[in-house]
Protein backbone atom coordinates (compact mmCIF):
# COMPACT_ATOMS: atom_id res chain seq x y z
CA UNK A 1 0.00 0.00 0.00
CA UNK A 2 2.87 2.37 0.83
CA UNK A 3 4.27 1.77 -2.67
CA UNK A 4 0.93 2.74 -4.21
CA UNK A 5 0.84 6.02 -2.25
CA UNK A 6 4.41 6.87 -3.33
CA UNK A 7 3.63 6.12 -6.99
CA UNK A 8 0.45 8.23 -6.87
CA UNK A 9 2.34 11.10 -5.21
CA UNK A 10 5.00 11.01 -7.92
CA UNK A 11 2.38 10.93 -10.67
CA UNK A 12 0.61 13.89 -9.08
CA UNK A 13 3.82 15.94 -8.92
CA UNK A 14 5.06 15.04 -12.44
CA UNK A 15 2.79 17.52 -14.32
CA UNK A 16 3.84 20.36 -12.00
CA UNK A 17 7.51 19.57 -12.53
CA UNK A 18 7.08 19.34 -16.30
CA UNK A 19 5.15 22.62 -16.45
CA UNK A 20 7.86 24.39 -14.50
CA UNK A 21 10.51 23.05 -16.87
CA UNK A 22 8.44 24.01 -19.88
CA UNK A 23 8.31 27.64 -18.76
CA UNK A 24 12.08 27.81 -18.53
CA UNK A 25 12.45 26.28 -21.98
CA UNK A 26 10.21 28.93 -23.58
CA UNK A 27 12.28 31.77 -22.12
CA UNK A 28 15.51 30.02 -23.08
CA UNK A 29 14.38 29.53 -26.66
CA UNK A 30 13.71 33.24 -27.19
CA UNK A 31 17.14 34.58 -26.19
CA UNK A 32 19.41 32.49 -28.47
CA UNK A 33 17.63 33.40 -31.73
CA UNK A 34 17.95 37.10 -30.88
CA UNK A 35 21.67 36.66 -30.27
CA UNK A 36 22.06 34.64 -33.46
CA UNK A 37 20.22 37.29 -35.45
CA UNK A 38 22.47 40.04 -34.14
CA UNK A 39 25.74 38.20 -34.76
CA UNK A 40 25.25 37.48 -38.48
CA UNK A 41 24.00 41.03 -39.05
CA UNK A 42 27.16 42.36 -37.43
CA UNK A 43 29.35 39.92 -39.29
CA UNK A 44 27.62 40.79 -42.57
CA UNK A 45 28.17 44.51 -42.06
CA UNK A 46 31.80 44.14 -41.03
CA UNK A 47 32.76 41.31 -43.35
CA UNK A 48 30.89 42.34 -46.52
CA UNK A 49 32.14 45.90 -46.33
CA UNK A 50 30.79 46.89 -49.77
CA UNK A 51 31.11 50.57 -50.65
CA UNK A 52 28.44 52.66 -52.37
CA UNK A 53 29.42 55.42 -54.79
CA UNK A 54 26.87 58.00 -55.92
CA UNK A 55 27.00 59.06 -59.58
CA UNK A 56 24.62 61.36 -61.44
CA UNK A 57 24.10 62.66 -64.93
CA UNK A 58 23.63 66.36 -65.64
CA UNK A 59 20.03 67.25 -64.67
CA UNK A 60 19.67 69.59 -67.67
CA UNK A 61 20.34 66.78 -70.15
CA UNK A 62 23.87 67.85 -71.11
CA UNK A 63 26.31 65.11 -72.09
CA UNK A 64 28.05 65.17 -68.71
CA UNK A 65 28.23 63.47 -65.34
CA UNK A 66 28.05 65.66 -62.25
CA UNK A 67 31.28 64.01 -61.06
CA UNK A 68 34.43 64.53 -63.13
CA UNK A 69 36.27 61.66 -61.37
CA UNK A 70 35.46 58.88 -58.91
CA UNK A 71 37.31 56.95 -56.21
CA UNK A 72 36.46 53.66 -54.52
CA UNK A 73 38.03 51.05 -52.28
CA UNK A 74 38.95 47.70 -53.85
CA UNK A 75 36.34 44.99 -53.42
CA UNK A 76 32.60 45.04 -53.92
CA UNK A 77 31.44 48.50 -55.02
CA UNK A 78 27.85 49.49 -55.73
CA UNK A 79 27.42 52.43 -58.08
CA UNK A 80 24.11 54.23 -57.53
CA UNK A 81 23.45 56.05 -60.79
CA UNK A 82 20.85 58.80 -61.06
CA UNK A 83 19.70 60.29 -64.35
CA UNK A 84 17.18 63.06 -63.58
CA UNK A 85 17.02 64.18 -67.22
CA UNK A 86 14.76 62.98 -70.05
CA UNK A 87 17.92 62.25 -72.11
CA UNK A 88 18.85 58.53 -71.93
CA UNK A 89 22.12 57.68 -70.15
CA UNK A 90 23.80 54.73 -68.49
CA UNK A 91 26.89 54.22 -66.32
CA UNK A 92 29.56 51.76 -67.47
CA UNK A 93 32.99 50.91 -66.05
CA UNK A 94 35.91 49.61 -68.09
CA UNK A 95 39.35 48.45 -66.95
CA UNK A 96 42.71 49.82 -68.10
CA UNK A 97 42.70 47.39 -71.06
CA UNK A 98 39.37 48.76 -72.33
CA UNK A 99 37.30 45.74 -71.22
CA UNK A 100 33.87 46.53 -69.83
CA UNK A 101 33.61 45.41 -66.22
CA UNK A 102 29.90 46.17 -65.83
CA UNK A 103 27.34 48.91 -65.58
CA UNK A 104 23.69 49.89 -65.48
CA UNK A 105 20.86 49.79 -67.98
CA UNK A 106 20.11 52.90 -70.03
CA UNK A 107 17.62 55.02 -68.07
CA UNK A 108 15.78 58.33 -68.36
CA UNK A 109 14.49 60.27 -65.36
CA UNK A 110 15.26 57.31 -63.09
CA UNK A 111 17.89 55.60 -60.95
CA UNK A 112 19.76 52.34 -61.43
CA UNK A 113 22.60 50.56 -59.68
CA UNK A 114 25.41 48.20 -60.56
CA UNK A 115 27.51 46.21 -58.09
CA UNK A 116 30.99 45.37 -59.32
CA UNK A 117 33.91 43.50 -57.76
CA UNK A 118 36.90 45.73 -58.50
CA UNK A 119 40.58 45.12 -57.93
CA UNK A 120 42.91 48.03 -57.18
CA UNK A 121 43.81 49.92 -60.33
CA UNK A 122 42.77 52.59 -62.81
CA UNK A 123 39.39 52.37 -64.53
CA UNK A 124 37.26 54.62 -66.71
CA UNK A 125 33.56 55.30 -66.29
CA UNK A 126 31.43 56.48 -69.19
CA UNK A 127 27.99 56.58 -70.81
CA UNK A 128 27.68 53.98 -73.57
CA UNK A 129 24.79 55.66 -75.41
CA UNK A 130 26.15 56.33 -78.94
CA UNK A 131 27.89 59.70 -79.11
CA UNK A 132 27.70 60.45 -75.37
CA UNK A 133 31.20 59.26 -74.43
CA UNK A 134 32.62 61.16 -77.38
CA UNK A 135 30.61 64.17 -76.19
CA UNK A 136 32.41 64.15 -72.85
CA UNK A 137 30.54 61.64 -70.68
CA UNK A 138 33.56 59.85 -69.25
CA UNK A 139 36.00 60.17 -66.39
CA UNK A 140 38.65 58.33 -64.38
CA UNK A 141 37.83 55.90 -61.57
CA UNK A 142 40.66 55.21 -59.14
CA UNK A 143 40.30 52.02 -57.08
CA UNK A 144 42.67 51.53 -54.16
C-alpha atoms as a PDB file:
ATOM      1  CA  UNK A   1       0.000   0.000   0.000  1.00  0.00           C
ATOM      2  CA  UNK A   2       2.872   2.370   0.825  1.00  0.00           C
ATOM      3  CA  UNK A   3       4.267   1.766  -2.670  1.00  0.00           C
ATOM      4  CA  UNK A   4       0.935   2.743  -4.206  1.00  0.00           C
ATOM      5  CA  UNK A   5       0.843   6.016  -2.254  1.00  0.00           C
ATOM      6  CA  UNK A   6       4.410   6.869  -3.327  1.00  0.00           C
ATOM      7  CA  UNK A   7       3.625   6.125  -6.989  1.00  0.00           C
ATOM      8  CA  UNK A   8       0.447   8.232  -6.874  1.00  0.00           C
ATOM      9  CA  UNK A   9       2.335  11.100  -5.211  1.00  0.00           C
ATOM     10  CA  UNK A  10       4.995  11.005  -7.925  1.00  0.00           C
ATOM     11  CA  UNK A  11       2.376  10.933 -10.667  1.00  0.00           C
ATOM     12  CA  UNK A  12       0.610  13.893  -9.080  1.00  0.00           C
ATOM     13  CA  UNK A  13       3.819  15.936  -8.921  1.00  0.00           C
ATOM     14  CA  UNK A  14       5.061  15.041 -12.444  1.00  0.00           C
ATOM     15  CA  UNK A  15       2.790  17.523 -14.324  1.00  0.00           C
ATOM     16  CA  UNK A  16       3.841  20.360 -12.002  1.00  0.00           C
ATOM     17  CA  UNK A  17       7.512  19.566 -12.527  1.00  0.00           C
ATOM     18  CA  UNK A  18       7.084  19.336 -16.300  1.00  0.00           C
ATOM     19  CA  UNK A  19       5.150  22.620 -16.450  1.00  0.00           C
ATOM     20  CA  UNK A  20       7.861  24.387 -14.503  1.00  0.00           C
ATOM     21  CA  UNK A  21      10.514  23.053 -16.868  1.00  0.00           C
ATOM     22  CA  UNK A  22       8.436  24.008 -19.879  1.00  0.00           C
ATOM     23  CA  UNK A  23       8.308  27.643 -18.759  1.00  0.00           C
ATOM     24  CA  UNK A  24      12.075  27.811 -18.528  1.00  0.00           C
ATOM     25  CA  UNK A  25      12.451  26.280 -21.983  1.00  0.00           C
ATOM     26  CA  UNK A  26      10.209  28.931 -23.578  1.00  0.00           C
ATOM     27  CA  UNK A  27      12.279  31.766 -22.116  1.00  0.00           C
ATOM     28  CA  UNK A  28      15.514  30.018 -23.081  1.00  0.00           C
ATOM     29  CA  UNK A  29      14.376  29.528 -26.662  1.00  0.00           C
ATOM     30  CA  UNK A  30      13.713  33.244 -27.192  1.00  0.00           C
ATOM     31  CA  UNK A  31      17.141  34.580 -26.187  1.00  0.00           C
ATOM     32  CA  UNK A  32      19.407  32.495 -28.469  1.00  0.00           C
ATOM     33  CA  UNK A  33      17.625  33.402 -31.731  1.00  0.00           C
ATOM     34  CA  UNK A  34      17.951  37.103 -30.882  1.00  0.00           C
ATOM     35  CA  UNK A  35      21.671  36.659 -30.271  1.00  0.00           C
ATOM     36  CA  UNK A  36      22.062  34.636 -33.465  1.00  0.00           C
ATOM     37  CA  UNK A  37      20.221  37.293 -35.449  1.00  0.00           C
ATOM     38  CA  UNK A  38      22.475  40.045 -34.140  1.00  0.00           C
ATOM     39  CA  UNK A  39      25.744  38.201 -34.759  1.00  0.00           C
ATOM     40  CA  UNK A  40      25.250  37.480 -38.480  1.00  0.00           C
ATOM     41  CA  UNK A  41      23.998  41.026 -39.054  1.00  0.00           C
ATOM     42  CA  UNK A  42      27.159  42.364 -37.430  1.00  0.00           C
ATOM     43  CA  UNK A  43      29.350  39.916 -39.291  1.00  0.00           C
ATOM     44  CA  UNK A  44      27.622  40.788 -42.568  1.00  0.00           C
ATOM     45  CA  UNK A  45      28.172  44.507 -42.065  1.00  0.00           C
ATOM     46  CA  UNK A  46      31.800  44.139 -41.034  1.00  0.00           C
ATOM     47  CA  UNK A  47      32.760  41.306 -43.352  1.00  0.00           C
ATOM     48  CA  UNK A  48      30.890  42.344 -46.520  1.00  0.00           C
ATOM     49  CA  UNK A  49      32.137  45.901 -46.329  1.00  0.00           C
ATOM     50  CA  UNK A  50      30.790  46.894 -49.765  1.00  0.00           C
ATOM     51  CA  UNK A  51      31.106  50.567 -50.651  1.00  0.00           C
ATOM     52  CA  UNK A  52      28.436  52.655 -52.368  1.00  0.00           C
ATOM     53  CA  UNK A  53      29.423  55.417 -54.790  1.00  0.00           C
ATOM     54  CA  UNK A  54      26.873  58.004 -55.925  1.00  0.00           C
ATOM     55  CA  UNK A  55      26.998  59.062 -59.584  1.00  0.00           C
ATOM     56  CA  UNK A  56      24.620  61.357 -61.439  1.00  0.00           C
ATOM     57  CA  UNK A  57      24.095  62.662 -64.932  1.00  0.00           C
ATOM     58  CA  UNK A  58      23.630  66.358 -65.638  1.00  0.00           C
ATOM     59  CA  UNK A  59      20.028  67.245 -64.670  1.00  0.00           C
ATOM     60  CA  UNK A  60      19.668  69.587 -67.666  1.00  0.00           C
ATOM     61  CA  UNK A  61      20.342  66.778 -70.152  1.00  0.00           C
ATOM     62  CA  UNK A  62      23.870  67.846 -71.111  1.00  0.00           C
ATOM     63  CA  UNK A  63      26.307  65.112 -72.089  1.00  0.00           C
ATOM     64  CA  UNK A  64      28.046  65.166 -68.710  1.00  0.00           C
ATOM     65  CA  UNK A  65      28.231  63.473 -65.345  1.00  0.00           C
ATOM     66  CA  UNK A  66      28.048  65.656 -62.246  1.00  0.00           C
ATOM     67  CA  UNK A  67      31.280  64.007 -61.060  1.00  0.00           C
ATOM     68  CA  UNK A  68      34.430  64.528 -63.127  1.00  0.00           C
ATOM     69  CA  UNK A  69      36.272  61.662 -61.369  1.00  0.00           C
ATOM     70  CA  UNK A  70      35.457  58.881 -58.914  1.00  0.00           C
ATOM     71  CA  UNK A  71      37.309  56.951 -56.206  1.00  0.00           C
ATOM     72  CA  UNK A  72      36.465  53.655 -54.524  1.00  0.00           C
ATOM     73  CA  UNK A  73      38.029  51.050 -52.278  1.00  0.00           C
ATOM     74  CA  UNK A  74      38.952  47.704 -53.845  1.00  0.00           C
ATOM     75  CA  UNK A  75      36.343  44.986 -53.422  1.00  0.00           C
ATOM     76  CA  UNK A  76      32.602  45.035 -53.923  1.00  0.00           C
ATOM     77  CA  UNK A  77      31.445  48.498 -55.016  1.00  0.00           C
ATOM     78  CA  UNK A  78      27.847  49.492 -55.728  1.00  0.00           C
ATOM     79  CA  UNK A  79      27.422  52.430 -58.076  1.00  0.00           C
ATOM     80  CA  UNK A  80      24.109  54.232 -57.527  1.00  0.00           C
ATOM     81  CA  UNK A  81      23.448  56.053 -60.792  1.00  0.00           C
ATOM     82  CA  UNK A  82      20.848  58.800 -61.056  1.00  0.00           C
ATOM     83  CA  UNK A  83      19.704  60.292 -64.346  1.00  0.00           C
ATOM     84  CA  UNK A  84      17.181  63.056 -63.576  1.00  0.00           C
ATOM     85  CA  UNK A  85      17.024  64.177 -67.217  1.00  0.00           C
ATOM     86  CA  UNK A  86      14.761  62.980 -70.054  1.00  0.00           C
ATOM     87  CA  UNK A  87      17.915  62.247 -72.110  1.00  0.00           C
ATOM     88  CA  UNK A  88      18.847  58.529 -71.934  1.00  0.00           C
ATOM     89  CA  UNK A  89      22.116  57.684 -70.150  1.00  0.00           C
ATOM     90  CA  UNK A  90      23.803  54.726 -68.489  1.00  0.00           C
ATOM     91  CA  UNK A  91      26.885  54.215 -66.318  1.00  0.00           C
ATOM     92  CA  UNK A  92      29.556  51.763 -67.470  1.00  0.00           C
ATOM     93  CA  UNK A  93      32.992  50.914 -66.049  1.00  0.00           C
ATOM     94  CA  UNK A  94      35.913  49.606 -68.088  1.00  0.00           C
ATOM     95  CA  UNK A  95      39.351  48.451 -66.951  1.00  0.00           C
ATOM     96  CA  UNK A  96      42.715  49.816 -68.102  1.00  0.00           C
ATOM     97  CA  UNK A  97      42.695  47.395 -71.061  1.00  0.00           C
ATOM     98  CA  UNK A  98      39.371  48.757 -72.333  1.00  0.00           C
ATOM     99  CA  UNK A  99      37.304  45.742 -71.224  1.00  0.00           C
ATOM    100  CA  UNK A 100      33.866  46.527 -69.831  1.00  0.00           C
ATOM    101  CA  UNK A 101      33.609  45.410 -66.216  1.00  0.00           C
ATOM    102  CA  UNK A 102      29.903  46.171 -65.829  1.00  0.00           C
ATOM    103  CA  UNK A 103      27.335  48.905 -65.575  1.00  0.00           C
ATOM    104  CA  UNK A 104      23.686  49.889 -65.482  1.00  0.00           C
ATOM    105  CA  UNK A 105      20.858  49.792 -67.981  1.00  0.00           C
ATOM    106  CA  UNK A 106      20.112  52.902 -70.033  1.00  0.00           C
ATOM    107  CA  UNK A 107      17.617  55.016 -68.069  1.00  0.00           C
ATOM    108  CA  UNK A 108      15.780  58.329 -68.355  1.00  0.00           C
ATOM    109  CA  UNK A 109      14.487  60.274 -65.358  1.00  0.00           C
ATOM    110  CA  UNK A 110      15.257  57.313 -63.087  1.00  0.00           C
ATOM    111  CA  UNK A 111      17.890  55.602 -60.949  1.00  0.00           C
ATOM    112  CA  UNK A 112      19.764  52.344 -61.430  1.00  0.00           C
ATOM    113  CA  UNK A 113      22.599  50.560 -59.680  1.00  0.00           C
ATOM    114  CA  UNK A 114      25.410  48.199 -60.555  1.00  0.00           C
ATOM    115  CA  UNK A 115      27.508  46.213 -58.089  1.00  0.00           C
ATOM    116  CA  UNK A 116      30.987  45.365 -59.318  1.00  0.00           C
ATOM    117  CA  UNK A 117      33.909  43.499 -57.757  1.00  0.00           C
ATOM    118  CA  UNK A 118      36.897  45.728 -58.503  1.00  0.00           C
ATOM    119  CA  UNK A 119      40.584  45.124 -57.929  1.00  0.00           C
ATOM    120  CA  UNK A 120      42.908  48.033 -57.184  1.00  0.00           C
ATOM    121  CA  UNK A 121      43.811  49.919 -60.333  1.00  0.00           C
ATOM    122  CA  UNK A 122      42.770  52.586 -62.806  1.00  0.00           C
ATOM    123  CA  UNK A 123      39.395  52.373 -64.529  1.00  0.00           C
ATOM    124  CA  UNK A 124      37.259  54.622 -66.710  1.00  0.00           C
ATOM    125  CA  UNK A 125      33.556  55.296 -66.291  1.00  0.00           C
ATOM    126  CA  UNK A 126      31.426  56.479 -69.188  1.00  0.00           C
ATOM    127  CA  UNK A 127      27.989  56.578 -70.812  1.00  0.00           C
ATOM    128  CA  UNK A 128      27.683  53.981 -73.575  1.00  0.00           C
ATOM    129  CA  UNK A 129      24.790  55.655 -75.414  1.00  0.00           C
ATOM    130  CA  UNK A 130      26.147  56.331 -78.939  1.00  0.00           C
ATOM    131  CA  UNK A 131      27.886  59.704 -79.114  1.00  0.00           C
ATOM    132  CA  UNK A 132      27.699  60.448 -75.371  1.00  0.00           C
ATOM    133  CA  UNK A 133      31.196  59.264 -74.433  1.00  0.00           C
ATOM    134  CA  UNK A 134      32.615  61.157 -77.381  1.00  0.00           C
ATOM    135  CA  UNK A 135      30.612  64.174 -76.192  1.00  0.00           C
ATOM    136  CA  UNK A 136      32.409  64.148 -72.853  1.00  0.00           C
ATOM    137  CA  UNK A 137      30.538  61.643 -70.677  1.00  0.00           C
ATOM    138  CA  UNK A 138      33.560  59.854 -69.254  1.00  0.00           C
ATOM    139  CA  UNK A 139      35.996  60.167 -66.391  1.00  0.00           C
ATOM    140  CA  UNK A 140      38.654  58.330 -64.383  1.00  0.00           C
ATOM    141  CA  UNK A 141      37.826  55.897 -61.572  1.00  0.00           C
ATOM    142  CA  UNK A 142      40.662  55.206 -59.135  1.00  0.00           C
ATOM    143  CA  UNK A 143      40.304  52.022 -57.082  1.00  0.00           C
ATOM    144  CA  UNK A 144      42.666  51.526 -54.159  1.00  0.00           C
END
